[in-house]
Amino acid sequence: MEFTCLHNKCISPSLTVLSRVSISFSNLPKRAVSFHRRRRNLCFATLVDGKRTSEVVSKRGGEEEDEFGDLKSWMHKNGLPPCKVVLKERPSHDKKLRPIHYVAASEDLQASDVAVSVPNSLVVTLERVLGNETLAELLTTNKLSELACLALYLMYEKKQGKKSFWYPYIRELDRQRGRGQLAVESPLLWSEAELAYLTGSPTKAEVLDRADGIKREYEELDTVWFMAGSLFQQYPYDIPTEAFPFEIFKQAFVAIQSCVVHLQKVSLARRFALVPLGPPLLAYSSNCKAMLTAVDGAVELVVDRPYKAGEPIVVWCGPQPNSKLLLNYGFVDEDNPYDRIAVEAALNTEDPQYQDKRMVAQRNGKLSVQVFQVYAGKEKEAVSDILPYLRLGYVSDPSEMQSVISSQGPVCPVSPCMEQAVLDQLTVYFRTRLAGYCTSISEDELMLADPNLNPKKRVATQLVRLEKKMLNACLQATVDLINQLPDHTMPPCPAPYAPLLK
């Protein structure tokens, strides 16, 4: 379910279109070309277009719920069997926006109870959208993101308004506006000033990279329109990039990203699913085992713990670090056992012995550019894992290098001056990363103690505080090793081809 579960193809399959299908206007049907430059139809409120839906919903929301009923009522009318959940709401931090909904237990539940079983007829997948599993697999194997296709489908459905079967579900997504359980949107929708809250964190660059990937997805939408005629039977002449401006698509994409479910043990065309009563109405947690699971004819949720009636129900979000939780869902989990930061080390390509060192690294399961994962609470172990790699990079004597090549295991001759040089490099690296943040941990904690802190700044501060705690723990582990050296007066060995840390 990780969006490394999109960029690990879980939602983090990659957002980048890796293989492109090029089309030109000359390849389009003549009747499509004739409509290509017509005036854009922007009078409809597009999926999660905050500037429109926040106003429209506030005026007409009550009328529409009276007419269609709430999401759960609509689902029951269309095949949802009796279940043990109810929709409740919590206020939004922005008084201009409607409260967000969440799924809670409608009665006391015990672990292993089936809380809800959503029939496949109410689940949106590429197989259902395209009506053709072969075509769905063709699109996905050509690396056209499932999220882009699902977002585009619901945007076209939104154009049908109340005529769309999915209208009550789309209305609910509009209401949520891509907000997670803390009523905060993904940083993908933050302003430049709000992104500054993440200064010093690698997450800021990840946000910008993901945004670039969404832009590339947008530029491929006409390809999807051309290949998948069944997807757009209602609007055969509405070329996507003409029908929808990029900012509208981006908002829709982020909304879909926040609620898509990664189903296991299903066909490629069904692996990413939109499940009404699923996320973001279900809260995510890093410390539970409950997951939405594909069963015969339905997607069901079996709870992993007891619930009292009225308590919010949580599901597992996959083994994602807090940086991905914020990017994908707009929240940070303070007790996340999967939280981690990355340390990238690389052998110096200018080193005359680079190829030999590369071979030794590979023999020991490492790459010439190696990313080390530093998990919260296991910083000391991470430093111990990084040190042998750095020592290898510091070997300069050819005879010593031959000894390393002939040895078994990641063993390098370690002199006091080499160890001093390696530990000094690590110390400088961790201190430099910490200096890149705008605040200290104590300043972060003072801000978090303020109940009126802006919610976006709160989640950003939570993230950078946890990152700094891991970096500080790594720095302390490195300093402790320096203090254990027998001779603190010995200068570090010169290192003309020291490894690179990033």
Protein backbone atom coordinates (compact mmCIF):
# COMPACT_ATOMS: atom_id res chain seq x y z
CA MET A 1 0.00 0.00 0.00
CA GLU A 2 2.98 2.21 -0.03
CA PHE A 3 3.09 4.96 -2.52
CA THR A 4 6.45 4.12 -2.72
CA CYS A 5 3.23 2.66 -2.80
CA LEU A 6 3.53 4.97 -6.03
CA HIS A 7 7.05 5.34 -6.50
CA ASN A 8 7.82 1.83 -5.42
CA LYS A 9 4.67 1.12 -7.38
CA CYS A 10 2.75 0.65 -4.23
CA ILE A 11 1.63 4.29 -3.97
CA SER A 12 4.47 5.04 -4.76
CA PRO A 13 4.56 3.52 -8.09
CA SER A 14 6.57 6.03 -9.98
CA LEU A 15 4.63 9.02 -11.13
CA THR A 16 7.02 9.44 -13.98
CA VAL A 17 5.91 8.13 -17.37
CA LEU A 18 8.89 5.98 -18.28
CA SER A 19 7.74 4.82 -21.67
CA ARG A 20 5.88 7.23 -23.90
CA VAL A 21 3.54 6.74 -26.79
CA SER A 22 3.92 9.68 -29.13
CA ILE A 23 0.87 10.99 -30.98
CA SER A 24 0.37 14.04 -33.12
CA PHE A 25 -2.72 15.82 -34.32
CA SER A 26 -2.26 14.13 -37.70
CA ASN A 27 -2.84 10.78 -35.96
CA LEU A 28 -6.08 11.87 -34.32
CA PRO A 29 -9.45 11.28 -35.96
CA LYS A 30 -10.44 14.27 -38.13
CA ARG A 31 -13.54 14.94 -36.09
CA ALA A 32 -11.43 15.08 -32.92
CA VAL A 33 -9.09 17.61 -34.51
CA SER A 34 -12.01 19.77 -35.51
CA PHE A 35 -12.99 20.12 -31.89
CA HIS A 36 -9.47 20.42 -30.51
CA ARG A 37 -9.27 24.19 -30.41
CA ARG A 38 -12.79 24.89 -29.30
CA ARG A 39 -13.26 27.04 -26.25
CA ARG A 40 -12.63 25.12 -23.05
CA ASN A 41 -15.62 24.18 -20.99
CA LEU A 42 -14.61 25.24 -17.51
CA CYS A 43 -18.01 26.11 -16.11
CA PHE A 44 -18.28 22.85 -14.16
CA ALA A 45 -16.88 22.40 -10.67
CA THR A 46 -14.06 19.94 -11.23
CA LEU A 47 -13.08 17.17 -8.84
CA VAL A 48 -11.47 18.72 -5.75
CA ASP A 49 -11.25 22.15 -7.27
CA GLY A 50 -11.12 23.84 -3.89
CA LYS A 51 -11.87 27.33 -5.19
CA ARG A 52 -15.14 26.15 -6.66
CA THR A 53 -16.35 23.26 -4.59
CA SER A 54 -15.84 24.95 -1.22
CA GLU A 55 -18.31 27.61 -2.33
CA VAL A 56 -20.72 25.37 -4.23
CA VAL A 57 -20.85 22.70 -1.54
CA SER A 58 -21.47 25.18 1.25
CA LYS A 59 -24.55 26.47 -0.55
CA ARG A 60 -25.95 23.31 -2.04
CA GLY A 61 -24.52 20.52 0.09
CA GLY A 62 -27.57 20.17 2.27
CA GLU A 63 -29.92 20.07 -0.70
CA GLU A 64 -27.85 17.41 -2.46
CA GLU A 65 -27.61 15.18 0.62
CA ASP A 66 -31.39 15.38 0.98
CA GLU A 67 -31.76 14.37 -2.66
CA PHE A 68 -29.16 11.58 -2.81
CA GLY A 69 -28.60 10.70 0.83
CA ASP A 70 -25.11 10.43 2.28
CA LEU A 71 -22.43 8.18 0.79
CA LYS A 72 -23.32 5.20 2.94
CA SER A 73 -27.05 5.46 2.12
CA TRP A 74 -26.24 5.56 -1.59
CA MET A 75 -24.03 2.50 -1.21
CA HIS A 76 -26.76 0.55 0.59
CA LYS A 77 -29.17 1.41 -2.23
CA ASN A 78 -26.67 0.00 -4.70
CA GLY A 79 -25.75 -3.29 -3.09
CA LEU A 80 -23.76 -2.61 0.08
CA PRO A 81 -24.84 -5.27 2.60
CA PRO A 82 -25.50 -4.40 6.26
CA CYS A 83 -22.25 -3.32 7.91
CA LYS A 84 -20.88 -2.26 11.27
CA VAL A 85 -19.65 1.24 10.43
CA VAL A 86 -21.12 4.73 10.37
CA LEU A 87 -20.02 8.04 8.87
CA LYS A 88 -19.19 10.76 11.40
CA GLU A 89 -17.58 14.16 10.98
CA ARG A 90 -14.91 16.33 12.55
CA PRO A 91 -14.47 20.08 12.04
CA SER A 92 -11.98 21.47 9.56
CA HIS A 93 -9.28 23.89 10.69
CA ASP A 94 -10.48 26.15 7.87
CA LYS A 95 -13.90 27.49 8.82
CA LYS A 96 -14.64 28.18 5.16
CA LEU A 97 -14.59 24.44 4.45
CA ARG A 98 -17.09 21.83 5.49
CA PRO A 99 -16.17 19.31 8.20
CA ILE A 100 -14.51 16.14 6.94
CA HIS A 101 -16.12 12.73 7.31
CA TYR A 102 -14.57 9.64 8.85
CA VAL A 103 -15.61 6.03 9.31
CA ALA A 104 -16.38 4.92 12.87
CA ALA A 105 -17.71 1.74 14.44
CA SER A 106 -21.51 1.74 14.59
CA GLU A 107 -21.43 -0.83 17.39
CA ASP A 108 -18.86 -2.47 19.65
CA LEU A 109 -16.47 -4.58 17.56
CA GLN A 110 -14.07 -7.38 18.40
CA ALA A 111 -10.83 -8.23 16.65
CA SER A 112 -11.49 -10.33 13.49
CA ASP A 113 -14.99 -8.85 12.99
CA VAL A 114 -15.84 -7.90 9.39
CA ALA A 115 -16.59 -4.19 9.68
CA VAL A 116 -17.63 -3.66 6.06
CA SER A 117 -17.70 -5.61 2.81
CA VAL A 118 -17.94 -3.41 -0.30
CA PRO A 119 -19.16 -5.28 -3.41
CA ASN A 120 -17.01 -5.02 -6.52
CA SER A 121 -19.86 -3.18 -8.25
CA LEU A 122 -19.06 -0.20 -5.97
CA VAL A 123 -15.26 -0.38 -6.38
CA VAL A 124 -13.49 1.65 -9.07
CA THR A 125 -10.56 -0.12 -10.77
CA LEU A 126 -8.93 0.19 -14.18
CA GLU A 127 -10.59 -3.05 -15.22
CA ARG A 128 -13.98 -1.53 -14.47
CA VAL A 129 -13.12 1.88 -15.92
CA LEU A 130 -11.79 0.59 -19.22
CA GLY A 131 -14.11 -2.38 -19.50
CA ASN A 132 -11.20 -4.37 -20.88
CA GLU A 133 -8.53 -6.04 -18.76
CA THR A 134 -6.18 -6.39 -21.72
CA LEU A 135 -6.31 -2.66 -22.42
CA ALA A 136 -5.85 -1.88 -18.72
CA GLU A 137 -2.72 -4.03 -18.62
CA LEU A 138 -1.48 -2.43 -21.83
CA LEU A 139 -1.74 1.03 -20.28
CA THR A 140 -0.05 0.00 -17.04
CA THR A 141 2.74 -1.98 -18.68
CA ASN A 142 3.47 1.10 -20.79
CA LYS A 143 3.95 2.88 -17.46
CA LEU A 144 0.94 5.14 -17.77
CA SER A 145 0.11 5.63 -14.12
CA GLU A 146 -2.99 3.95 -12.77
CA LEU A 147 -3.59 7.03 -10.66
CA ALA A 148 -3.65 9.29 -13.70
CA CYS A 149 -6.20 7.05 -15.43
CA LEU A 150 -8.41 6.85 -12.35
CA ALA A 151 -8.22 10.60 -11.78
CA LEU A 152 -9.06 11.29 -15.41
CA TYR A 153 -12.01 8.90 -15.32
CA LEU A 154 -13.56 10.55 -12.27
CA MET A 155 -12.98 14.01 -13.76
CA TYR A 156 -14.96 13.01 -16.85
CA GLU A 157 -17.61 11.46 -14.60
CA LYS A 158 -17.75 14.73 -12.68
CA LYS A 159 -18.62 16.49 -15.94
CA GLN A 160 -21.82 14.43 -16.06
CA GLY A 161 -22.90 15.91 -12.74
CA LYS A 162 -25.84 14.17 -11.10
CA LYS A 163 -26.28 11.90 -14.12
CA SER A 164 -23.12 10.02 -13.15
CA PHE A 165 -23.58 6.81 -11.19
CA TRP A 166 -20.57 7.84 -9.12
CA TYR A 167 -21.94 11.29 -8.26
CA PRO A 168 -22.38 10.64 -4.48
CA TYR A 169 -18.84 9.22 -4.25
CA ILE A 170 -17.33 12.09 -6.25
CA ARG A 171 -19.24 14.54 -4.06
CA GLU A 172 -17.64 12.93 -1.01
CA LEU A 173 -14.17 13.23 -2.55
CA ASP A 174 -14.90 16.87 -3.28
CA ARG A 175 -15.85 17.37 0.34
CA GLN A 176 -12.62 15.76 1.58
CA ARG A 177 -10.54 17.81 -0.93
CA GLY A 178 -7.60 15.42 -0.63
CA ARG A 179 -7.35 16.11 3.09
CA GLY A 180 -6.06 13.40 5.39
CA GLN A 181 -7.20 12.52 8.88
CA LEU A 182 -5.67 15.75 10.24
CA ALA A 183 -7.61 17.79 7.66
CA VAL A 184 -4.32 18.70 5.94
CA GLU A 185 -3.73 18.39 2.20
CA SER A 186 -0.64 16.73 0.77
CA PRO A 187 2.33 19.15 0.41
CA LEU A 188 1.79 18.71 -3.33
CA LEU A 189 -0.97 21.31 -2.93
CA TRP A 190 0.92 23.64 -0.61
CA SER A 191 2.07 27.11 -1.61
CA GLU A 192 5.73 27.97 -1.97
CA ALA A 193 5.64 29.73 1.41
CA GLU A 194 4.11 26.64 3.03
CA LEU A 195 6.72 24.36 1.47
CA ALA A 196 9.34 26.48 3.25
CA TYR A 197 8.17 24.76 6.45
CA LEU A 198 10.06 21.72 5.11
CA THR A 199 13.38 23.52 4.62
CA GLY A 200 16.25 21.17 5.43
CA SER A 201 14.17 18.05 4.88
CA PRO A 202 14.74 15.86 1.80
CA THR A 203 10.94 15.69 1.63
CA LYS A 204 10.84 19.16 0.08
CA ALA A 205 12.79 17.92 -2.96
CA GLU A 206 10.58 14.81 -3.08
CA VAL A 207 7.49 17.01 -3.26
CA LEU A 208 8.93 18.99 -6.16
CA ASP A 209 9.99 15.79 -7.97
CA ARG A 210 6.54 14.27 -7.50
CA ALA A 211 4.93 17.46 -8.80
CA ASP A 212 7.12 17.25 -11.92
CA GLY A 213 6.01 13.64 -12.35
CA ILE A 214 2.36 14.66 -12.18
CA LYS A 215 3.05 17.27 -14.85
CA ARG A 216 4.50 14.56 -17.10
CA GLU A 217 1.43 12.43 -16.42
CA TYR A 218 -0.76 15.33 -17.49
CA GLU A 219 1.13 15.64 -20.76
CA GLU A 220 0.37 11.95 -21.46
CA LEU A 221 -3.39 12.26 -20.94
CA ASP A 222 -4.14 12.72 -24.62
CA THR A 223 -2.38 9.42 -25.25
CA VAL A 224 -4.73 7.71 -22.81
CA TRP A 225 -7.72 9.36 -24.51
CA PHE A 226 -6.50 8.14 -27.90
CA MET A 227 -5.85 4.54 -26.78
CA ALA A 228 -8.84 4.02 -24.51
CA GLY A 229 -11.95 5.01 -26.45
CA SER A 230 -14.20 3.03 -24.11
CA LEU A 231 -13.15 5.27 -21.26
CA PHE A 232 -14.55 8.39 -22.89
CA GLN A 233 -17.67 7.27 -24.74
CA GLN A 234 -19.69 10.04 -23.08
CA TYR A 235 -17.29 12.74 -24.26
CA PRO A 236 -15.51 11.42 -27.37
CA TYR A 237 -14.31 14.87 -28.47
CA ASP A 238 -13.14 16.24 -25.12
CA ILE A 239 -9.37 15.90 -25.40
CA PRO A 240 -8.14 15.79 -21.77
CA THR A 241 -5.59 18.58 -21.88
CA GLU A 242 -8.21 20.81 -23.51
CA ALA A 243 -10.98 19.84 -21.12
CA PHE A 244 -8.95 20.13 -17.90
CA PRO A 245 -6.26 22.67 -16.95
CA PHE A 246 -3.18 21.21 -15.28
CA GLU A 247 -3.94 22.64 -11.82
CA ILE A 248 -7.35 20.95 -11.82
CA PHE A 249 -5.81 17.63 -12.85
CA LYS A 250 -3.15 17.99 -10.17
CA GLN A 251 -5.78 18.50 -7.48
CA ALA A 252 -7.74 15.49 -8.71
CA PHE A 253 -4.57 13.37 -8.87
CA VAL A 254 -3.67 14.24 -5.28
CA ALA A 255 -7.19 13.43 -4.13
CA ILE A 256 -7.03 10.02 -5.81
CA GLN A 257 -3.54 9.45 -4.38
CA SER A 258 -4.90 10.03 -0.86
CA CYS A 259 -7.60 7.38 -1.16
CA VAL A 260 -6.39 4.71 -3.57
CA VAL A 261 -6.00 1.22 -2.08
CA HIS A 262 -3.35 -1.26 -3.19
CA LEU A 263 -5.06 -4.64 -3.30
CA GLN A 264 -2.99 -7.80 -3.01
CA LYS A 265 -3.28 -11.05 -5.02
CA VAL A 266 -5.43 -9.57 -7.79
CA SER A 267 -4.86 -8.97 -11.49
CA LEU A 268 -2.78 -6.02 -12.65
CA ALA A 269 -5.93 -4.20 -13.78
CA ARG A 270 -7.44 -4.39 -10.27
CA ARG A 271 -4.44 -3.76 -8.04
CA PHE A 272 -5.22 -0.06 -7.51
CA ALA A 273 -8.77 0.49 -6.33
CA LEU A 274 -10.97 3.32 -5.12
CA VAL A 275 -13.18 1.95 -2.38
CA PRO A 276 -16.04 4.09 -1.03
CA LEU A 277 -15.86 3.99 2.81
CA GLY A 278 -12.13 3.33 2.39
CA PRO A 279 -9.39 5.96 2.76
CA PRO A 280 -9.41 8.86 3.42
CA LEU A 281 -12.61 8.15 5.39
CA LEU A 282 -10.71 5.35 7.10
CA ALA A 283 -7.80 6.71 9.11
CA TYR A 284 -4.34 5.30 8.44
CA SER A 285 -2.08 3.93 11.17
CA SER A 286 1.45 2.52 11.11
CA ASN A 287 0.74 0.30 14.10
CA CYS A 288 -2.15 -1.88 13.04
CA LYS A 289 -2.59 -4.94 10.83
CA ALA A 290 -6.07 -4.34 9.40
CA MET A 291 -6.16 -3.94 5.60
CA LEU A 292 -8.79 -3.69 2.91
CA THR A 293 -8.60 -7.08 1.23
CA ALA A 294 -9.97 -8.44 -2.02
CA VAL A 295 -12.25 -11.44 -1.43
CA ASP A 296 -14.69 -13.20 -3.74
CA GLY A 297 -16.82 -10.45 -5.27
CA ALA A 298 -15.96 -7.75 -2.74
CA VAL A 299 -13.36 -5.75 -0.84
CA GLU A 300 -13.71 -6.25 2.89
CA LEU A 301 -12.20 -4.88 6.08
CA VAL A 302 -11.55 -7.18 9.02
CA VAL A 303 -10.60 -5.18 12.11
CA ASP A 304 -7.52 -6.16 14.09
CA ARG A 305 -8.56 -4.79 17.49
CA PRO A 306 -11.65 -4.11 19.60
CA TYR A 307 -13.59 -0.87 19.01
CA LYS A 308 -16.23 0.86 21.05
CA ALA A 309 -19.21 2.24 19.15
CA GLY A 310 -18.30 5.65 17.73
CA GLU A 311 -14.52 5.11 17.70
CA PRO A 312 -12.71 5.86 14.40
CA ILE A 313 -11.58 2.72 12.56
CA VAL A 314 -7.98 2.57 11.38
CA VAL A 315 -6.22 0.55 8.70
CA TRP A 316 -2.55 -0.15 8.04
CA CYS A 317 -0.87 2.27 5.66
CA GLY A 318 1.99 -0.06 4.77
CA PRO A 319 5.65 0.21 5.83
CA GLN A 320 6.01 3.86 4.89
CA PRO A 321 8.28 6.46 6.51
CA ASN A 322 6.71 9.68 7.70
CA SER A 323 7.99 11.54 4.65
CA LYS A 324 5.78 9.34 2.45
CA LEU A 325 2.82 9.55 4.85
CA LEU A 326 2.95 13.33 4.62
CA LEU A 327 3.44 13.37 0.87
CA ASN A 328 0.70 10.85 0.13
CA TYR A 329 -1.85 11.42 2.89
CA GLY A 330 -1.07 14.69 4.68
CA PHE A 331 -0.19 13.35 8.14
CA VAL A 332 2.78 12.29 10.28
CA ASP A 333 2.73 9.35 12.70
CA GLU A 334 4.81 10.09 15.81
CA ASP A 335 4.94 6.37 16.68
CA ASN A 336 5.79 5.09 13.20
CA PRO A 337 8.03 2.00 13.50
CA TYR A 338 8.90 2.34 9.80
CA ASP A 339 10.12 5.93 10.01
CA ARG A 340 13.55 6.40 8.50
CA ILE A 341 15.94 8.77 6.81
CA ALA A 342 18.40 7.93 4.06
CA VAL A 343 22.17 8.38 3.93
CA GLU A 344 23.64 8.04 0.45
CA ALA A 345 27.32 7.07 0.18
CA ALA A 346 29.24 6.71 -3.06
CA LEU A 347 32.70 5.46 -3.97
CA ASN A 348 34.81 8.15 -5.61
CA THR A 349 34.84 7.51 -9.35
CA GLU A 350 38.16 9.38 -9.70
CA ASP A 351 39.86 6.86 -7.42
CA PRO A 352 42.41 4.79 -9.45
CA GLN A 353 41.20 1.76 -7.47
CA TYR A 354 37.52 2.51 -8.05
CA GLN A 355 36.80 -0.67 -10.04
CA ASP A 356 38.42 -2.90 -7.41
CA LYS A 357 36.50 -1.18 -4.64
CA ARG A 358 33.29 -1.45 -6.63
CA MET A 359 33.85 -5.19 -7.00
CA VAL A 360 34.48 -5.62 -3.27
CA ALA A 361 31.38 -3.58 -2.45
CA GLN A 362 29.23 -5.70 -4.76
CA ARG A 363 30.66 -8.88 -3.29
CA ASN A 364 29.38 -7.69 0.06
CA GLY A 365 25.93 -6.73 -1.17
CA LYS A 366 26.58 -3.02 -1.65
CA LEU A 367 26.58 -0.76 -4.71
CA SER A 368 29.00 1.88 -5.92
CA VAL A 369 26.29 4.35 -4.91
CA GLN A 370 24.70 2.88 -1.80
CA VAL A 371 21.68 4.20 0.10
CA PHE A 372 21.70 3.29 3.79
CA GLN A 373 18.37 3.43 5.61
CA VAL A 374 18.51 4.81 9.14
CA TYR A 375 15.49 3.64 11.11
CA ALA A 376 14.18 5.50 14.15
CA GLY A 377 15.61 3.90 17.30
CA LYS A 378 18.28 2.01 15.35
CA GLU A 379 20.66 4.83 14.55
CA LYS A 380 23.65 3.18 16.24
CA GLU A 381 23.20 0.06 14.11
CA ALA A 382 22.95 2.21 10.98
CA VAL A 383 26.25 3.96 11.73
CA SER A 384 27.88 0.56 12.25
CA ASP A 385 26.54 -0.52 8.84
CA ILE A 386 27.90 2.59 7.10
CA LEU A 387 31.43 2.44 8.55
CA PRO A 388 32.79 -0.61 6.61
CA TYR A 389 31.69 0.98 3.34
CA LEU A 390 33.45 4.24 4.18
CA ARG A 391 36.59 2.40 5.30
CA LEU A 392 36.72 0.67 1.93
CA GLY A 393 36.66 4.07 0.25
CA TYR A 394 39.58 5.26 2.35
CA VAL A 395 41.94 2.42 1.36
CA SER A 396 44.70 4.00 -0.72
CA ASP A 397 47.66 1.61 -0.63
CA PRO A 398 47.49 -0.90 -3.56
CA SER A 399 48.89 -3.71 -1.42
CA GLU A 400 46.22 -3.10 1.19
CA MET A 401 43.61 -3.14 -1.56
CA GLN A 402 44.88 -6.53 -2.76
CA SER A 403 44.58 -7.79 0.80
CA VAL A 404 40.98 -6.60 0.91
CA ILE A 405 40.22 -8.28 -2.43
CA SER A 406 41.61 -11.62 -1.25
CA SER A 407 39.84 -11.48 2.12
CA GLN A 408 36.38 -12.78 2.84
CA GLY A 409 33.79 -10.34 4.13
CA PRO A 410 33.77 -6.54 4.40
CA VAL A 411 37.11 -6.39 6.22
CA CYS A 412 39.46 -3.48 5.60
CA PRO A 413 42.70 -2.76 7.43
CA VAL A 414 41.85 -0.10 9.98
CA SER A 415 44.52 2.21 11.27
CA PRO A 416 43.80 4.75 14.03
CA CYS A 417 44.30 7.65 11.63
CA MET A 418 41.95 6.09 9.03
CA GLU A 419 39.27 5.50 11.65
CA GLN A 420 39.65 9.08 12.81
CA ALA A 421 39.23 10.31 9.22
CA VAL A 422 36.15 8.14 8.60
CA LEU A 423 34.46 9.20 11.83
CA ASP A 424 35.33 12.85 11.25
CA GLN A 425 33.71 12.71 7.80
CA LEU A 426 30.53 11.21 9.27
CA THR A 427 30.47 13.82 12.04
CA VAL A 428 30.74 16.68 9.57
CA TYR A 429 28.05 15.10 7.40
CA PHE A 430 25.49 14.78 10.20
CA ARG A 431 26.23 18.26 11.53
CA THR A 432 25.87 19.75 8.04
CA ARG A 433 22.49 18.11 7.56
CA LEU A 434 21.28 19.36 10.93
CA ALA A 435 22.46 22.87 10.11
CA GLY A 436 20.23 22.85 7.01
CA TYR A 437 17.07 23.08 9.15
CA CYS A 438 15.69 26.44 10.19
CA THR A 439 14.90 25.44 13.77
CA SER A 440 16.27 23.32 16.59
CA ILE A 441 14.42 20.41 18.18
CA SER A 442 13.62 22.51 21.25
CA GLU A 443 12.15 25.25 19.04
CA ASP A 444 10.08 22.63 17.22
CA GLU A 445 8.70 21.37 20.51
CA LEU A 446 7.73 24.88 21.58
CA MET A 447 5.81 25.36 18.33
CA LEU A 448 4.07 22.00 18.63
CA ALA A 449 2.91 22.93 22.13
CA ASP A 450 0.88 25.80 20.62
CA PRO A 451 -2.71 24.54 20.11
CA ASN A 452 -3.30 27.28 17.52
CA LEU A 453 -0.38 26.32 15.30
CA ASN A 454 -1.31 26.22 11.60
CA PRO A 455 -2.08 22.55 10.77
CA LYS A 456 0.26 22.48 7.77
CA LYS A 457 3.05 23.95 9.83
CA ARG A 458 2.24 21.44 12.56
CA VAL A 459 2.65 18.36 10.38
CA ALA A 460 5.76 19.84 8.74
CA THR A 461 7.26 20.58 12.15
CA GLN A 462 6.44 17.07 13.35
CA LEU A 463 8.27 15.66 10.34
CA VAL A 464 11.44 17.78 10.60
CA ARG A 465 11.58 17.25 14.36
CA LEU A 466 11.58 13.47 13.93
CA GLU A 467 14.21 13.70 11.19
CA LYS A 468 16.44 15.84 13.41
CA LYS A 469 16.06 13.38 16.26
CA MET A 470 17.37 10.58 14.03
CA LEU A 471 20.24 12.74 12.75
CA ASN A 472 21.16 13.77 16.30
CA ALA A 473 21.16 10.13 17.40
CA CYS A 474 23.48 9.26 14.48
CA LEU A 475 25.77 12.13 15.39
CA GLN A 476 25.89 11.03 19.01
CA ALA A 477 26.68 7.43 18.02
CA THR A 478 29.55 8.72 15.84
CA VAL A 479 30.92 10.98 18.59
CA ASP A 480 30.79 8.05 21.04
CA LEU A 481 32.97 6.03 18.66
CA ILE A 482 35.44 8.91 18.37
CA ASN A 483 35.64 9.05 22.17
CA GLN A 484 36.57 5.35 22.20
CA LEU A 485 39.64 5.88 20.00
CA PRO A 486 42.88 5.24 21.92
CA ASP A 487 44.71 8.37 20.76
CA HIS A 488 42.77 11.58 20.25
CA THR A 489 45.88 13.55 19.32
CA MET A 490 46.50 11.62 16.09
CA PRO A 491 45.48 13.59 12.99
CA PRO A 492 43.20 11.86 10.48
CA CYS A 493 44.80 10.17 7.47
CA PRO A 494 44.76 12.18 4.25
CA ALA A 495 42.01 11.00 1.92
CA PRO A 496 42.48 12.17 -1.68
CA TYR A 497 39.63 9.87 -2.83
CA ALA A 498 37.33 9.83 0.17
CA PRO A 499 33.81 8.46 -0.42
CA LEU A 500 31.07 10.98 -1.05
CA LEU A 501 28.19 11.41 1.39
CA LYS A 502 24.89 12.92 0.33
